[in-house]
Structures are given as C-alpha cells and as structure tokens.
Amino acid sequence: MKTLIIVFLLMNLSGVSFSQNENLKAEHISLENGVANNLIFSIYQDSKGFVWFGTMFGLVRYDGVNYKTYRNDPNDSNSLSNDDIISICEDKSGCLWFGTYNGGLNKYDRSTGKFTRYLHDPGDPNSLSNNTVWTIIQDRKGSMWFGTQGGGLNKLDPGKNTFTVYKRDTAKAGSISGNVIRSLAEDKEGVLWIGTAGAGLNKFDPENETFINYKHDSLNNKSPGHNAVLSIFGRQ
C-alpha cells in the first residue's frame, strides 16, 4: 500500500476562486455554546470519541452535548501549565499531549485527571528545548516527537523524562534546516517529514539520524516565501 504525503505550502492565493455547494450548512459553535474562547488553534478527536479544542484561553473537551474546560491553576501543579493550547495528540496508551504557546508541554492522564508538565530549563540541555510546541506526533514505534518554536525537533525518552534535541547546526552538514518546526508526519517506512517556518521541508531517518533538506530550489519555486511548510498530512 502506498504512503500518501501531502505538503501544504504558504502561498499567495489572490485571484483564485473556489466553487461551493450552496446547500451546505455550518453550525456555529462559540462562547455562548461553552467554548472557552473564539480563537481556536487546534482540534482533535480522541480514541474515545471526545473532541478537544485548543484555544487561547484554555482546553475544551466536547462529548457531543456538554463542554468541559481545563485551565491553568496557579495553586495546582497538576493543572495545565498554560492556557494557550496550540497542538494536541493522543498516544497509544490513551494519554493526551497538549502543546502550548510559551507554556511548555502537558501530558494528561485520564485515570488520574492530572497533567504532567514538561518545561524548558536553560540549565538542562536534556529538557524541552523551547516552551512553544507547535506540533506533536507519535511514531509507529511509540516514540513521541515535538516540533518547537526555535528549539528544533524534540524526542522524548519516556523512561528518563528527558529529551533528545535536533537543532540546526551550521557547522555540520546534514543537520535539520531550521529550528521553527510547524508540522510533522510519518510515512510507512518510519521516516519523519518535518515542515519548518521559512527553512523548507526535511526528511528525517530516525534510525541513522540523518536529514535531507528540501528548500525552494528542490520544490521548484524560487521564492523564499515558499519555504514555509505549515502543514503535512500522511496516510498509509
């Protein structure tokens, strides 16, 4: 079975028109319905059917009828670390991971109802490399990967709760092309595809830890603005 990898590039769509079925209807869900904030960064449906909304003022869980909001509580270290939720992923054990804007990473355990926080520590090179986490995936082997704002690509060692960090190294050939990671996907061979903000696309082999960079020339476009790969979708 072939792997489908779709890469979405930042581009100028001015002057392009799209047709639309006039019979389609949309239901508007807003603050009045129970959503914590009208600015929604991420949406995710988990394995139990719950839909999660990451907003700039908390995390919202929707069960089809009711909305439940989770927010940071300064007096509770097991609450969310930050209310700006920008990325969501469920791992194979059923735990949910939430990346925030400038507030680190959170792991939610359904059985306890508690959040575990992962934060950047400038004095610890094995901590999360940046507190803004744009994208999260779990690969077929169970490893968790995180794309950060300026801290490159992070891989979690669950046994030690430490991170291996892959950052751009101008002195080293074959490193990742940029440190602002906006999208991640895995193909059927276990290869990771990494989209950056302004530094093109990367193909990463986790086995031998090598990167292949695809920038504007490789993507057949001479405009530096097209080196922003904001979304990647992979299906086996």
Protein backbone atom coordinates (compact mmCIF):
# COMPACT_ATOMS: atom_id res chain seq x y z
CA MET A 1 0.00 0.00 0.00
CA LYS A 2 1.42 3.37 -0.95
CA THR A 3 2.00 6.18 1.51
CA LEU A 4 0.29 9.47 0.84
CA ILE A 5 2.21 12.54 1.95
CA ILE A 6 0.53 15.87 1.32
CA VAL A 7 2.57 19.01 1.91
CA PHE A 8 0.84 22.38 2.24
CA LEU A 9 2.98 25.39 1.44
CA LEU A 10 2.42 29.01 2.37
CA MET A 11 1.39 30.66 -0.88
CA ASN A 12 -0.44 33.62 -2.34
CA LEU A 13 -3.96 32.61 -3.42
CA SER A 14 -5.13 36.04 -4.55
CA GLY A 15 -7.24 35.85 -7.68
CA VAL A 16 -8.07 32.16 -7.19
CA SER A 17 -11.76 31.27 -6.93
CA PHE A 18 -13.31 28.16 -5.43
CA SER A 19 -16.73 26.62 -6.14
CA GLN A 20 -19.02 25.75 -3.22
CA ASN A 21 -22.15 23.69 -2.75
CA GLU A 22 -24.84 26.19 -1.77
CA ASN A 23 -26.77 23.51 0.15
CA LEU A 24 -24.00 23.01 2.71
CA LYS A 25 -24.70 24.31 6.19
CA ALA A 26 -22.33 25.05 9.05
CA GLU A 27 -23.12 25.05 12.76
CA HIS A 28 -21.54 27.95 14.60
CA ILE A 29 -20.04 27.00 17.97
CA SER A 30 -18.85 29.94 20.05
CA LEU A 31 -18.52 31.32 23.56
CA GLU A 32 -22.27 31.18 24.01
CA ASN A 33 -22.17 27.39 23.50
CA GLY A 34 -19.46 26.78 26.07
CA VAL A 35 -16.19 27.10 24.13
CA ALA A 36 -13.58 28.84 26.27
CA ASN A 37 -12.51 31.29 23.57
CA ASN A 38 -13.37 32.07 19.96
CA LEU A 39 -9.72 31.78 18.86
CA ILE A 40 -9.20 28.03 18.34
CA PHE A 41 -5.69 26.84 17.46
CA SER A 42 -6.25 23.08 17.30
CA ILE A 43 -8.99 20.43 17.11
CA TYR A 44 -8.56 16.72 17.85
CA GLN A 45 -10.90 13.74 18.24
CA ASP A 46 -9.52 11.08 20.57
CA SER A 47 -10.00 7.29 20.54
CA LYS A 48 -12.99 7.53 22.89
CA GLY A 49 -14.84 9.96 20.65
CA PHE A 50 -14.27 13.13 22.66
CA VAL A 51 -13.42 16.24 20.65
CA TRP A 52 -10.78 18.53 22.12
CA PHE A 53 -10.39 22.21 21.25
CA GLY A 54 -7.20 24.09 21.98
CA THR A 55 -7.98 27.76 22.50
CA MET A 56 -6.02 30.78 23.68
CA PHE A 57 -7.95 30.69 26.95
CA GLY A 58 -7.94 27.05 27.93
CA LEU A 59 -8.54 23.50 26.76
CA VAL A 60 -12.09 22.37 25.95
CA ARG A 61 -13.44 18.79 25.84
CA TYR A 62 -16.73 18.19 23.99
CA ASP A 63 -18.68 14.94 24.46
CA GLY A 64 -21.36 15.71 21.89
CA VAL A 65 -23.58 17.50 24.39
CA ASN A 66 -21.52 19.29 27.03
CA TYR A 67 -18.27 21.24 27.11
CA LYS A 68 -15.69 20.93 29.87
CA THR A 69 -12.91 23.49 30.17
CA TYR A 70 -9.45 22.91 31.64
CA ARG A 71 -7.31 25.88 32.64
CA ASN A 72 -4.12 26.67 34.48
CA ASP A 73 -4.49 26.89 38.25
CA PRO A 74 -1.51 28.70 39.85
CA ASN A 75 -2.11 26.73 43.05
CA ASP A 76 -2.18 23.30 41.37
CA SER A 77 0.99 21.91 39.79
CA ASN A 78 -1.10 19.13 38.21
CA SER A 79 -3.21 21.57 36.20
CA LEU A 80 -2.38 22.84 32.72
CA SER A 81 0.89 24.75 32.62
CA ASN A 82 -0.57 27.40 30.31
CA ASP A 83 -3.95 28.26 28.76
CA ASP A 84 -2.80 28.84 25.15
CA ILE A 85 -3.22 25.35 23.64
CA ILE A 86 -1.85 25.09 20.10
CA SER A 87 -1.27 21.35 19.48
CA ILE A 88 -2.95 18.09 20.56
CA CYS A 89 -2.08 14.39 20.17
CA GLU A 90 -3.16 11.11 21.77
CA ASP A 91 -0.58 8.38 22.32
CA LYS A 92 -1.11 4.62 22.07
CA SER A 93 -1.71 4.29 25.82
CA GLY A 94 -4.59 6.76 25.66
CA CYS A 95 -2.76 9.67 27.28
CA LEU A 96 -3.25 13.06 25.67
CA TRP A 97 -0.47 15.54 24.94
CA PHE A 98 -1.02 19.28 24.70
CA GLY A 99 1.50 21.76 23.38
CA THR A 100 1.16 25.37 24.46
CA TYR A 101 2.31 28.76 23.27
CA ASN A 102 5.18 29.73 25.57
CA GLY A 103 3.96 27.48 28.39
CA GLY A 104 5.62 24.15 27.68
CA LEU A 105 4.17 20.70 27.11
CA ASN A 106 1.47 18.84 29.07
CA LYS A 107 0.63 15.13 29.34
CA TYR A 108 -2.90 14.33 30.54
CA ASP A 109 -3.62 11.03 32.30
CA ARG A 110 -7.34 10.20 32.10
CA SER A 111 -7.19 7.77 35.03
CA THR A 112 -5.93 10.40 37.46
CA GLY A 113 -7.25 13.55 35.79
CA LYS A 114 -3.84 15.13 36.27
CA PHE A 115 -1.48 16.96 33.92
CA THR A 116 2.29 16.39 33.92
CA ARG A 117 4.30 19.40 32.79
CA TYR A 118 7.45 19.46 30.67
CA LEU A 119 9.18 22.84 30.59
CA HIS A 120 12.35 24.29 29.13
CA ASP A 121 15.18 24.65 31.62
CA PRO A 122 18.04 26.82 30.27
CA GLY A 123 20.45 24.98 32.56
CA ASP A 124 19.43 21.50 31.38
CA PRO A 125 20.27 20.53 27.76
CA ASN A 126 18.03 17.45 28.10
CA SER A 127 14.90 19.42 28.96
CA LEU A 128 12.28 20.50 26.40
CA SER A 129 14.22 22.85 24.13
CA ASN A 130 11.53 25.54 23.79
CA ASN A 131 8.26 26.24 25.63
CA THR A 132 6.22 26.75 22.46
CA VAL A 133 5.22 23.38 20.96
CA TRP A 134 3.56 23.72 17.54
CA THR A 135 3.14 20.09 16.57
CA ILE A 136 3.14 16.60 18.18
CA ILE A 137 3.13 13.07 16.76
CA GLN A 138 3.79 9.54 18.00
CA ASP A 139 5.61 7.28 15.56
CA ARG A 140 4.91 3.58 14.89
CA LYS A 141 7.50 2.53 17.47
CA GLY A 142 5.84 4.62 20.16
CA SER A 143 8.31 7.49 20.29
CA MET A 144 6.87 10.95 20.89
CA TRP A 145 8.12 13.82 18.72
CA PHE A 146 7.60 17.54 19.26
CA GLY A 147 8.17 20.48 16.92
CA THR A 148 9.04 23.69 18.73
CA GLN A 149 9.39 27.42 18.11
CA GLY A 150 13.13 27.97 17.75
CA GLY A 151 14.16 24.84 19.66
CA GLY A 152 14.10 22.43 16.74
CA LEU A 153 12.82 18.86 16.90
CA ASN A 154 12.50 17.08 20.27
CA LYS A 155 12.19 13.35 21.01
CA LEU A 156 11.07 12.22 24.47
CA ASP A 157 12.81 9.45 26.38
CA PRO A 158 9.84 8.27 28.50
CA GLY A 159 11.97 6.27 30.91
CA LYS A 160 14.02 9.28 31.94
CA ASN A 161 11.56 12.08 31.02
CA THR A 162 14.38 13.73 29.09
CA PHE A 163 14.54 14.98 25.52
CA THR A 164 16.91 14.43 22.62
CA VAL A 165 17.06 17.68 20.66
CA TYR A 166 17.80 18.08 16.95
CA LYS A 167 18.67 21.66 16.03
CA ARG A 168 20.16 23.38 13.01
CA ASP A 169 23.94 23.28 13.11
CA THR A 170 25.61 25.49 10.51
CA ALA A 171 28.94 23.77 11.17
CA LYS A 172 27.52 20.32 10.50
CA ALA A 173 26.44 19.05 7.09
CA GLY A 174 23.12 17.25 7.06
CA SER A 175 21.52 18.82 10.12
CA ILE A 176 17.90 19.97 10.20
CA SER A 177 17.38 23.07 8.04
CA GLY A 178 15.58 25.22 10.63
CA ASN A 179 14.58 25.36 14.27
CA VAL A 180 10.98 26.55 13.95
CA ILE A 181 9.05 23.31 13.37
CA ARG A 182 5.43 23.77 12.33
CA SER A 183 4.40 20.31 11.05
CA LEU A 184 5.30 16.62 11.41
CA ALA A 185 4.20 13.38 9.69
CA GLU A 186 5.49 9.80 9.48
CA ASP A 187 5.40 7.65 6.34
CA LYS A 188 5.06 3.85 6.06
CA GLU A 189 8.83 3.41 6.16
CA GLY A 190 9.06 5.14 9.54
CA VAL A 191 10.61 8.24 8.02
CA LEU A 192 9.61 11.60 9.50
CA TRP A 193 8.70 14.57 7.33
CA ILE A 194 9.29 17.90 9.02
CA GLY A 195 7.90 21.24 7.89
CA THR A 196 9.55 24.44 9.04
CA ALA A 197 8.60 28.10 9.07
CA GLY A 198 10.86 29.59 6.40
CA ALA A 199 13.50 26.84 6.12
CA GLY A 200 11.76 24.36 3.87
CA LEU A 201 10.96 20.67 4.24
CA ASN A 202 13.08 17.97 5.91
CA LYS A 203 13.11 14.20 5.54
CA PHE A 204 14.48 12.56 8.69
CA ASP A 205 15.52 8.94 9.18
CA PRO A 206 15.33 8.26 12.94
CA GLU A 207 17.40 5.08 12.62
CA ASN A 208 20.58 6.75 11.42
CA GLU A 209 19.59 10.30 12.49
CA THR A 210 20.15 11.87 9.08
CA PHE A 211 18.27 14.75 7.50
CA ILE A 212 17.67 15.55 3.84
CA ASN A 213 16.68 19.18 3.28
CA TYR A 214 14.29 20.35 0.57
CA LYS A 215 14.31 24.10 0.13
CA HIS A 216 12.83 26.36 -2.55
CA ASP A 217 15.04 25.11 -5.41
CA SER A 218 14.12 21.47 -4.72
CA LEU A 219 10.45 22.43 -4.52
CA ASN A 220 10.70 24.10 -7.95
CA ASN A 221 10.00 27.56 -6.63
CA LYS A 222 12.49 30.42 -6.44
CA SER A 223 10.53 32.46 -3.89
CA PRO A 224 11.98 32.28 -0.35
CA GLY A 225 8.44 32.77 0.99
CA HIS A 226 7.54 29.29 -0.19
CA ASN A 227 9.96 27.71 2.27
CA ALA A 228 7.24 27.80 4.93
CA VAL A 229 5.74 24.29 5.20
CA LEU A 230 2.95 24.78 7.68
CA SER A 231 1.08 21.51 7.41
CA ILE A 232 1.83 17.91 6.38
CA PHE A 233 -0.64 15.03 6.21
CA GLY A 234 0.49 11.41 5.99
CA ARG A 235 -1.70 8.35 5.35
CA GLN A 236 -0.52 4.77 4.85
